[in-house]
């Protein structure tokens, strides 16, 4: 009759010879164990550094988003202000406008409209660039690609 309490047929009593053999096996492979422990510690350190770097990148992205929105609002406020100032000069302060002369009037109107158009074009051009436009060669910046390669090398 078979004993079902030990399905793997493991020895019940540990003999001194097999314990010594096991210890010799462990000592023979100790350098591999040290290498694995060191690699694991480095991988843990790299993982924590990568997580902190990613959180810093997220903070940077949110700061850039805040600055973009702020610059867009400031630009629109400037454009509205400068165009209203031009309208005020045209309709309410006619003496100033009359004293400028023909060329002065044309230059003032041209400067106001061109500054508005240039500001809108530059701000919108900078605001709505994609990440691919910023990094034309690759979708990831080079330092992030190096970090990902180093991380994947430690995982293998």
N, C-alpha and C. Protein backbone atom coordinates (compact mmCIF):
# COMPACT_ATOMS: atom_id res chain seq x y z
N UNK A 1 0.84 -1.15 0.00
CA UNK A 1 0.00 0.00 0.00
C UNK A 1 0.90 1.24 0.00
N UNK A 2 0.59 2.23 -0.85
CA UNK A 2 1.40 3.43 -1.01
C UNK A 2 1.02 4.46 0.05
N UNK A 3 2.03 5.15 0.53
CA UNK A 3 1.81 6.20 1.52
C UNK A 3 1.52 7.51 0.77
N UNK A 4 0.31 8.07 0.95
CA UNK A 4 -0.09 9.28 0.22
C UNK A 4 0.36 10.57 0.92
N UNK A 5 0.96 10.51 2.08
CA UNK A 5 1.37 11.72 2.79
C UNK A 5 2.65 12.32 2.20
N UNK A 6 3.38 11.58 1.38
CA UNK A 6 4.62 12.05 0.76
C UNK A 6 4.56 11.75 -0.74
N UNK A 7 3.79 12.55 -1.52
CA UNK A 7 3.59 12.20 -2.93
C UNK A 7 4.84 12.36 -3.79
N UNK A 8 5.80 13.18 -3.36
CA UNK A 8 7.01 13.38 -4.16
C UNK A 8 8.13 12.43 -3.77
N UNK A 9 7.87 11.56 -2.86
CA UNK A 9 8.85 10.58 -2.36
C UNK A 9 10.10 11.26 -1.84
N UNK A 10 9.91 12.32 -1.08
CA UNK A 10 11.02 13.02 -0.48
C UNK A 10 11.52 12.22 0.71
N UNK A 11 12.80 12.26 0.98
CA UNK A 11 13.31 11.52 2.14
C UNK A 11 12.81 12.15 3.43
N UNK A 12 12.43 11.32 4.36
CA UNK A 12 11.93 11.80 5.65
C UNK A 12 13.04 12.23 6.57
N UNK A 13 14.18 11.60 6.47
CA UNK A 13 15.30 11.89 7.36
C UNK A 13 16.41 12.48 6.51
N UNK A 14 16.97 13.59 7.02
CA UNK A 14 18.06 14.23 6.29
C UNK A 14 19.35 13.60 6.77
N UNK A 15 20.08 13.07 5.83
CA UNK A 15 21.34 12.45 6.20
C UNK A 15 22.43 13.51 6.20
N UNK A 16 23.45 13.30 6.94
CA UNK A 16 24.55 14.26 7.04
C UNK A 16 25.27 14.44 5.73
N UNK A 17 25.35 13.37 4.94
CA UNK A 17 26.06 13.44 3.66
C UNK A 17 25.35 14.35 2.67
N UNK A 18 24.01 14.24 2.60
CA UNK A 18 23.27 15.07 1.64
C UNK A 18 23.27 16.53 2.08
N UNK A 19 23.26 16.79 3.39
CA UNK A 19 23.31 18.18 3.87
C UNK A 19 24.66 18.79 3.51
N UNK A 20 25.73 18.03 3.67
CA UNK A 20 27.05 18.53 3.29
C UNK A 20 27.14 18.77 1.79
N UNK A 21 26.53 17.90 1.02
CA UNK A 21 26.54 18.06 -0.44
C UNK A 21 25.75 19.31 -0.85
N UNK A 22 24.63 19.54 -0.16
CA UNK A 22 23.83 20.73 -0.46
C UNK A 22 24.60 22.00 -0.12
N UNK A 23 25.29 21.98 0.99
CA UNK A 23 26.09 23.14 1.39
C UNK A 23 27.21 23.38 0.39
N UNK A 24 27.83 22.32 -0.07
CA UNK A 24 28.90 22.46 -1.07
C UNK A 24 28.35 23.02 -2.38
N UNK A 25 27.13 22.60 -2.77
CA UNK A 25 26.51 23.15 -3.98
C UNK A 25 26.25 24.65 -3.83
N UNK A 26 25.75 25.03 -2.66
CA UNK A 26 25.46 26.45 -2.42
C UNK A 26 26.74 27.25 -2.44
N UNK A 27 27.79 26.75 -1.79
CA UNK A 27 29.06 27.47 -1.77
C UNK A 27 29.70 27.53 -3.15
N UNK A 28 29.51 26.49 -3.95
CA UNK A 28 30.06 26.49 -5.30
C UNK A 28 29.37 27.54 -6.18
N UNK A 29 28.12 27.77 -5.93
CA UNK A 29 27.35 28.73 -6.74
C UNK A 29 27.17 30.07 -6.02
N UNK A 30 27.95 30.32 -4.98
CA UNK A 30 27.79 31.54 -4.19
C UNK A 30 28.03 32.81 -5.01
N UNK A 31 28.99 32.77 -5.91
CA UNK A 31 29.26 33.96 -6.74
C UNK A 31 28.04 34.30 -7.61
N UNK A 32 27.35 33.27 -8.11
CA UNK A 32 26.13 33.52 -8.88
C UNK A 32 25.05 34.15 -8.01
N UNK A 33 24.95 33.65 -6.76
CA UNK A 33 23.97 34.23 -5.84
C UNK A 33 24.28 35.68 -5.53
N UNK A 34 25.56 35.99 -5.30
CA UNK A 34 25.93 37.38 -5.03
C UNK A 34 25.63 38.27 -6.23
N UNK A 35 25.90 37.76 -7.43
CA UNK A 35 25.62 38.53 -8.64
C UNK A 35 24.12 38.80 -8.77
N UNK A 36 23.32 37.78 -8.50
CA UNK A 36 21.86 37.95 -8.59
C UNK A 36 21.35 38.93 -7.54
N UNK A 37 21.89 38.86 -6.32
CA UNK A 37 21.48 39.79 -5.28
C UNK A 37 21.88 41.23 -5.63
N UNK A 38 23.09 41.38 -6.15
CA UNK A 38 23.55 42.72 -6.53
C UNK A 38 22.71 43.27 -7.68
N UNK A 39 22.43 42.41 -8.66
CA UNK A 39 21.61 42.83 -9.80
C UNK A 39 20.20 43.21 -9.35
N UNK A 40 19.66 42.46 -8.41
CA UNK A 40 18.32 42.76 -7.90
C UNK A 40 18.31 44.10 -7.18
N UNK A 41 19.34 44.37 -6.38
CA UNK A 41 19.42 45.65 -5.67
C UNK A 41 19.54 46.80 -6.66
N UNK A 42 20.34 46.62 -7.70
CA UNK A 42 20.49 47.67 -8.71
C UNK A 42 19.18 47.88 -9.48
N UNK A 43 18.48 46.80 -9.77
CA UNK A 43 17.21 46.92 -10.47
C UNK A 43 16.19 47.65 -9.61
N UNK A 44 16.17 47.35 -8.31
CA UNK A 44 15.26 48.07 -7.41
C UNK A 44 15.61 49.56 -7.35
N UNK A 45 16.91 49.85 -7.26
CA UNK A 45 17.34 51.25 -7.22
C UNK A 45 16.98 51.96 -8.53
N UNK A 46 17.22 51.28 -9.66
CA UNK A 46 16.89 51.87 -10.95
C UNK A 46 15.39 52.09 -11.10
N UNK A 47 14.60 51.16 -10.60
CA UNK A 47 13.15 51.30 -10.65
C UNK A 47 12.68 52.49 -9.84
N UNK A 48 13.23 52.66 -8.65
CA UNK A 48 12.83 53.81 -7.82
C UNK A 48 13.28 55.12 -8.45
N UNK A 49 14.47 55.15 -9.03
CA UNK A 49 14.95 56.36 -9.71
C UNK A 49 14.09 56.67 -10.93
N UNK A 50 13.71 55.64 -11.67
CA UNK A 50 12.87 55.84 -12.85
C UNK A 50 11.49 56.35 -12.45
N UNK A 51 10.95 55.84 -11.36
CA UNK A 51 9.65 56.31 -10.89
C UNK A 51 9.72 57.77 -10.45
N UNK A 52 10.78 58.16 -9.76
CA UNK A 52 10.92 59.56 -9.36
C UNK A 52 11.14 60.45 -10.57
N UNK A 53 11.88 59.97 -11.56
CA UNK A 53 12.10 60.75 -12.78
C UNK A 53 10.79 60.95 -13.54
N UNK A 54 9.99 59.91 -13.62
CA UNK A 54 8.70 60.01 -14.31
C UNK A 54 7.78 60.98 -13.58
N UNK A 55 7.78 60.94 -12.25
CA UNK A 55 6.94 61.89 -11.51
C UNK A 55 7.42 63.32 -11.73
N UNK A 56 8.75 63.53 -11.81
CA UNK A 56 9.26 64.87 -12.12
C UNK A 56 8.87 65.31 -13.52
N UNK A 57 8.89 64.37 -14.48
CA UNK A 57 8.46 64.70 -15.84
C UNK A 57 6.99 65.09 -15.86
N UNK A 58 6.17 64.41 -15.09
CA UNK A 58 4.76 64.76 -15.02
C UNK A 58 4.57 66.15 -14.42
N UNK A 59 5.35 66.49 -13.41
CA UNK A 59 5.28 67.83 -12.82
C UNK A 59 5.72 68.88 -13.83
N UNK A 60 6.77 68.56 -14.60
CA UNK A 60 7.22 69.49 -15.63
C UNK A 60 6.16 69.70 -16.70
N UNK A 61 5.52 68.62 -17.10
CA UNK A 61 4.47 68.73 -18.12
C UNK A 61 3.31 69.57 -17.61
N UNK A 62 2.93 69.39 -16.34
CA UNK A 62 1.83 70.20 -15.81
C UNK A 62 2.25 71.67 -15.69
N UNK A 63 3.51 71.93 -15.34
CA UNK A 63 3.99 73.32 -15.28
C UNK A 63 4.01 73.95 -16.66
N UNK A 64 4.45 73.19 -17.65
CA UNK A 64 4.47 73.71 -19.02
C UNK A 64 3.04 73.97 -19.51
N UNK A 65 2.13 73.09 -19.15
CA UNK A 65 0.72 73.30 -19.54
C UNK A 65 0.18 74.58 -18.89
N UNK A 66 0.51 74.79 -17.63
CA UNK A 66 0.08 76.01 -16.94
C UNK A 66 0.68 77.24 -17.60
N UNK A 67 1.98 77.18 -17.93
CA UNK A 67 2.63 78.32 -18.59
C UNK A 67 2.05 78.58 -19.97
N UNK A 68 1.74 77.52 -20.70
CA UNK A 68 1.14 77.70 -22.03
C UNK A 68 -0.21 78.39 -21.92
N UNK A 69 -1.02 77.93 -21.00
CA UNK A 69 -2.33 78.56 -20.82
C UNK A 69 -2.18 80.01 -20.38
N UNK A 70 -1.25 80.26 -19.48
CA UNK A 70 -1.01 81.63 -19.02
C UNK A 70 -0.53 82.53 -20.15
N UNK A 71 0.37 82.01 -20.98
CA UNK A 71 0.86 82.81 -22.10
C UNK A 71 -0.24 83.06 -23.13
N UNK A 72 -1.08 82.07 -23.35
CA UNK A 72 -2.18 82.26 -24.30
C UNK A 72 -3.14 83.33 -23.78
N UNK A 73 -3.45 83.30 -22.51
CA UNK A 73 -4.35 84.31 -21.92
C UNK A 73 -3.69 85.69 -21.98
N UNK A 74 -2.40 85.78 -21.64
CA UNK A 74 -1.70 87.06 -21.67
C UNK A 74 -1.63 87.61 -23.09
N UNK A 75 -1.39 86.74 -24.06
CA UNK A 75 -1.34 87.19 -25.45
C UNK A 75 -2.69 87.69 -25.93
N UNK A 76 -3.72 86.94 -25.61
CA UNK A 76 -5.06 87.40 -26.01
C UNK A 76 -5.43 88.71 -25.32
N UNK A 77 -5.05 88.87 -24.06
CA UNK A 77 -5.33 90.12 -23.35
C UNK A 77 -4.57 91.28 -24.00
N UNK A 78 -3.32 91.04 -24.38
CA UNK A 78 -2.54 92.08 -25.05
C UNK A 78 -3.17 92.46 -26.38
N UNK A 79 -3.58 91.48 -27.15
CA UNK A 79 -4.17 91.75 -28.46
C UNK A 79 -5.47 92.54 -28.32
N UNK A 80 -6.30 92.14 -27.38
CA UNK A 80 -7.54 92.86 -27.15
C UNK A 80 -7.23 94.29 -26.70
N UNK A 81 -6.28 94.44 -25.78
CA UNK A 81 -5.93 95.77 -25.27
C UNK A 81 -5.40 96.67 -26.38
N UNK A 82 -4.46 96.16 -27.18
CA UNK A 82 -3.84 97.01 -28.21
C UNK A 82 -4.84 97.38 -29.30
N UNK A 83 -5.74 96.46 -29.64
CA UNK A 83 -6.76 96.79 -30.65
C UNK A 83 -7.79 97.76 -30.10
N UNK A 84 -8.16 97.63 -28.84
CA UNK A 84 -9.07 98.60 -28.24
C UNK A 84 -8.41 99.97 -28.10
N UNK A 85 -7.11 99.96 -27.83
CA UNK A 85 -6.38 101.23 -27.76
C UNK A 85 -6.38 101.92 -29.12
N UNK A 86 -6.22 101.16 -30.17
CA UNK A 86 -6.27 101.72 -31.52
C UNK A 86 -7.65 102.30 -31.82
N UNK A 87 -8.68 101.54 -31.45
CA UNK A 87 -10.05 102.04 -31.66
C UNK A 87 -10.30 103.31 -30.83
N UNK A 88 -9.78 103.34 -29.63
CA UNK A 88 -9.94 104.53 -28.78
C UNK A 88 -9.25 105.74 -29.42
N UNK A 89 -8.05 105.52 -29.96
CA UNK A 89 -7.34 106.61 -30.63
C UNK A 89 -8.08 107.07 -31.87
N UNK A 90 -8.66 106.13 -32.60
CA UNK A 90 -9.36 106.48 -33.84
C UNK A 90 -10.63 107.29 -33.59
N UNK A 91 -11.42 106.88 -32.60
CA UNK A 91 -12.75 107.46 -32.44
C UNK A 91 -12.88 108.48 -31.30
N UNK A 92 -12.03 108.39 -30.29
CA UNK A 92 -12.23 109.28 -29.14
C UNK A 92 -11.14 110.33 -28.97
N UNK A 93 -9.96 110.08 -29.46
CA UNK A 93 -8.86 111.04 -29.35
C UNK A 93 -8.41 111.43 -30.75
N UNK A 94 -9.27 112.11 -31.44
CA UNK A 94 -9.01 112.43 -32.84
C UNK A 94 -7.88 113.45 -32.99
N UNK A 95 -7.67 114.29 -32.01
CA UNK A 95 -6.61 115.29 -32.11
C UNK A 95 -5.23 114.62 -32.19
N UNK A 96 -5.03 113.59 -31.35
CA UNK A 96 -3.76 112.86 -31.39
C UNK A 96 -3.57 112.21 -32.76
N UNK A 97 -4.63 111.64 -33.26
CA UNK A 97 -4.56 110.95 -34.53
C UNK A 97 -4.36 111.93 -35.68
N UNK A 98 -4.95 113.10 -35.59
CA UNK A 98 -4.78 114.11 -36.64
C UNK A 98 -3.36 114.67 -36.63
N UNK A 99 -2.77 114.78 -35.44
CA UNK A 99 -1.41 115.32 -35.33
C UNK A 99 -0.35 114.37 -35.87
N UNK A 100 -0.68 113.11 -36.01
CA UNK A 100 0.31 112.13 -36.47
C UNK A 100 0.63 112.27 -37.95
N UNK A 101 -0.27 112.72 -38.73
CA UNK A 101 -0.03 112.82 -40.17
C UNK A 101 -0.44 111.54 -40.88
N UNK A 102 -0.36 111.59 -42.19
CA UNK A 102 -0.82 110.47 -43.02
C UNK A 102 0.00 109.20 -42.77
N UNK A 103 1.32 109.35 -42.80
CA UNK A 103 2.19 108.17 -42.66
C UNK A 103 2.14 107.60 -41.24
N UNK A 104 2.03 108.46 -40.27
CA UNK A 104 1.96 108.00 -38.88
C UNK A 104 0.72 107.17 -38.62
N UNK A 105 -0.40 107.60 -39.21
CA UNK A 105 -1.65 106.83 -39.05
C UNK A 105 -1.51 105.44 -39.65
N UNK A 106 -0.99 105.41 -40.85
CA UNK A 106 -0.84 104.12 -41.54
C UNK A 106 0.11 103.19 -40.79
N UNK A 107 1.21 103.75 -40.31
CA UNK A 107 2.19 102.94 -39.58
C UNK A 107 1.59 102.42 -38.27
N UNK A 108 0.86 103.27 -37.56
CA UNK A 108 0.25 102.84 -36.30
C UNK A 108 -0.74 101.70 -36.52
N UNK A 109 -1.59 101.84 -37.51
CA UNK A 109 -2.57 100.78 -37.80
C UNK A 109 -1.85 99.50 -38.23
N UNK A 110 -0.84 99.64 -39.08
CA UNK A 110 -0.10 98.47 -39.54
C UNK A 110 0.63 97.77 -38.40
N UNK A 111 1.24 98.52 -37.50
CA UNK A 111 1.97 97.94 -36.36
C UNK A 111 1.01 97.20 -35.43
N UNK A 112 -0.14 97.77 -35.16
CA UNK A 112 -1.10 97.13 -34.26
C UNK A 112 -1.59 95.82 -34.85
N UNK A 113 -2.00 95.83 -36.10
CA UNK A 113 -2.52 94.60 -36.70
C UNK A 113 -1.44 93.56 -36.91
N UNK A 114 -0.27 93.98 -37.35
CA UNK A 114 0.80 93.00 -37.59
C UNK A 114 1.29 92.39 -36.27
N UNK A 115 1.37 93.20 -35.20
CA UNK A 115 1.79 92.62 -33.92
C UNK A 115 0.76 91.62 -33.42
N UNK A 116 -0.50 91.90 -33.63
CA UNK A 116 -1.55 90.96 -33.23
C UNK A 116 -1.44 89.66 -34.00
N UNK A 117 -1.28 89.77 -35.31
CA UNK A 117 -1.20 88.56 -36.14
C UNK A 117 0.06 87.76 -35.83
N UNK A 118 1.18 88.45 -35.68
CA UNK A 118 2.43 87.75 -35.39
C UNK A 118 2.37 87.05 -34.04
N UNK A 119 1.83 87.73 -33.05
CA UNK A 119 1.73 87.11 -31.72
C UNK A 119 0.82 85.88 -31.76
N UNK A 120 -0.32 86.01 -32.39
CA UNK A 120 -1.23 84.85 -32.46
C UNK A 120 -0.58 83.70 -33.21
N UNK A 121 0.06 83.99 -34.34
CA UNK A 121 0.68 82.92 -35.13
C UNK A 121 1.81 82.24 -34.36
N UNK A 122 2.65 83.02 -33.70
CA UNK A 122 3.77 82.42 -32.96
C UNK A 122 3.30 81.64 -31.74
N UNK A 123 2.36 82.20 -31.01
CA UNK A 123 1.87 81.51 -29.81
C UNK A 123 1.14 80.24 -30.20
N UNK A 124 0.27 80.32 -31.17
CA UNK A 124 -0.46 79.11 -31.59
C UNK A 124 0.48 78.08 -32.20
N UNK A 125 1.46 78.54 -32.95
CA UNK A 125 2.44 77.62 -33.53
C UNK A 125 3.23 76.89 -32.47
N UNK A 126 3.59 77.60 -31.41
CA UNK A 126 4.34 76.96 -30.32
C UNK A 126 3.48 76.13 -29.41
N UNK A 127 2.23 76.52 -29.24
CA UNK A 127 1.36 75.80 -28.31
C UNK A 127 0.92 74.45 -28.84
N UNK A 128 0.70 74.38 -30.11
CA UNK A 128 0.09 73.18 -30.65
C UNK A 128 1.05 72.30 -31.44
N UNK A 129 2.33 72.43 -31.13
CA UNK A 129 3.29 71.49 -31.72
C UNK A 129 3.13 70.14 -31.04
N UNK A 130 3.27 69.11 -31.78
CA UNK A 130 3.15 67.78 -31.20
C UNK A 130 4.50 67.34 -30.66
N UNK A 131 4.48 66.26 -29.89
CA UNK A 131 5.73 65.71 -29.37
C UNK A 131 6.61 65.20 -30.50
N UNK A 132 6.00 64.71 -31.55
CA UNK A 132 6.75 64.25 -32.71
C UNK A 132 7.49 65.39 -33.39
N UNK A 133 6.90 66.58 -33.42
CA UNK A 133 7.58 67.73 -33.99
C UNK A 133 8.77 68.15 -33.14
N UNK A 134 8.61 68.05 -31.83
CA UNK A 134 9.71 68.44 -30.94
C UNK A 134 10.88 67.47 -31.03
N UNK A 135 10.59 66.21 -31.23
CA UNK A 135 11.64 65.19 -31.35
C UNK A 135 11.49 64.53 -32.71
N UNK A 136 11.99 65.21 -33.74
CA UNK A 136 11.72 64.76 -35.10
C UNK A 136 12.38 63.42 -35.43
N UNK A 137 13.53 63.14 -34.84
CA UNK A 137 14.22 61.90 -35.17
C UNK A 137 13.54 60.69 -34.57
N UNK A 138 13.13 60.80 -33.33
CA UNK A 138 12.50 59.68 -32.63
C UNK A 138 11.35 60.22 -31.81
N UNK A 139 10.45 59.33 -31.44
CA UNK A 139 9.31 59.76 -30.64
C UNK A 139 9.71 60.01 -29.19
N UNK A 140 10.79 59.38 -28.72
CA UNK A 140 11.25 59.58 -27.35
C UNK A 140 12.54 60.39 -27.36
N UNK A 141 12.71 61.26 -26.38
CA UNK A 141 14.00 61.94 -26.27
C UNK A 141 15.11 60.93 -25.99
N UNK A 142 16.34 61.24 -26.36
CA UNK A 142 17.43 60.26 -26.24
C UNK A 142 17.67 59.80 -24.81
N UNK A 143 17.54 60.68 -23.82
CA UNK A 143 17.82 60.26 -22.45
C UNK A 143 16.75 59.28 -21.94
N UNK A 144 15.50 59.45 -22.38
CA UNK A 144 14.47 58.50 -21.97
C UNK A 144 14.69 57.14 -22.64
N UNK A 145 15.14 57.15 -23.88
CA UNK A 145 15.40 55.89 -24.57
C UNK A 145 16.54 55.13 -23.88
N UNK A 146 17.57 55.86 -23.44
CA UNK A 146 18.68 55.21 -22.72
C UNK A 146 18.21 54.64 -21.39
N UNK A 147 17.33 55.35 -20.69
CA UNK A 147 16.83 54.85 -19.41
C UNK A 147 16.00 53.59 -19.63
N UNK A 148 15.18 53.57 -20.64
CA UNK A 148 14.34 52.40 -20.92
C UNK A 148 15.21 51.21 -21.30
N UNK A 149 16.25 51.44 -22.10
CA UNK A 149 17.16 50.35 -22.48
C UNK A 149 17.89 49.81 -21.25
N UNK A 150 18.34 50.69 -20.36
CA UNK A 150 19.04 50.24 -19.15
C UNK A 150 18.10 49.46 -18.25
N UNK A 151 16.87 49.93 -18.15
CA UNK A 151 15.89 49.23 -17.32
C UNK A 151 15.58 47.84 -17.89
N UNK A 152 15.40 47.74 -19.19
CA UNK A 152 15.10 46.44 -19.79
C UNK A 152 16.30 45.50 -19.70
N UNK A 153 17.53 46.06 -19.71
CA UNK A 153 18.72 45.22 -19.58
C UNK A 153 18.81 44.61 -18.19
N UNK A 154 18.36 45.34 -17.17
CA UNK A 154 18.42 44.79 -15.82
C UNK A 154 17.31 43.76 -15.58
N UNK A 155 16.27 43.82 -16.36
CA UNK A 155 15.16 42.88 -16.17
C UNK A 155 15.45 41.51 -16.79
N UNK A 156 16.41 41.46 -17.72
CA UNK A 156 16.72 40.17 -18.38
C UNK A 156 17.62 39.31 -17.57
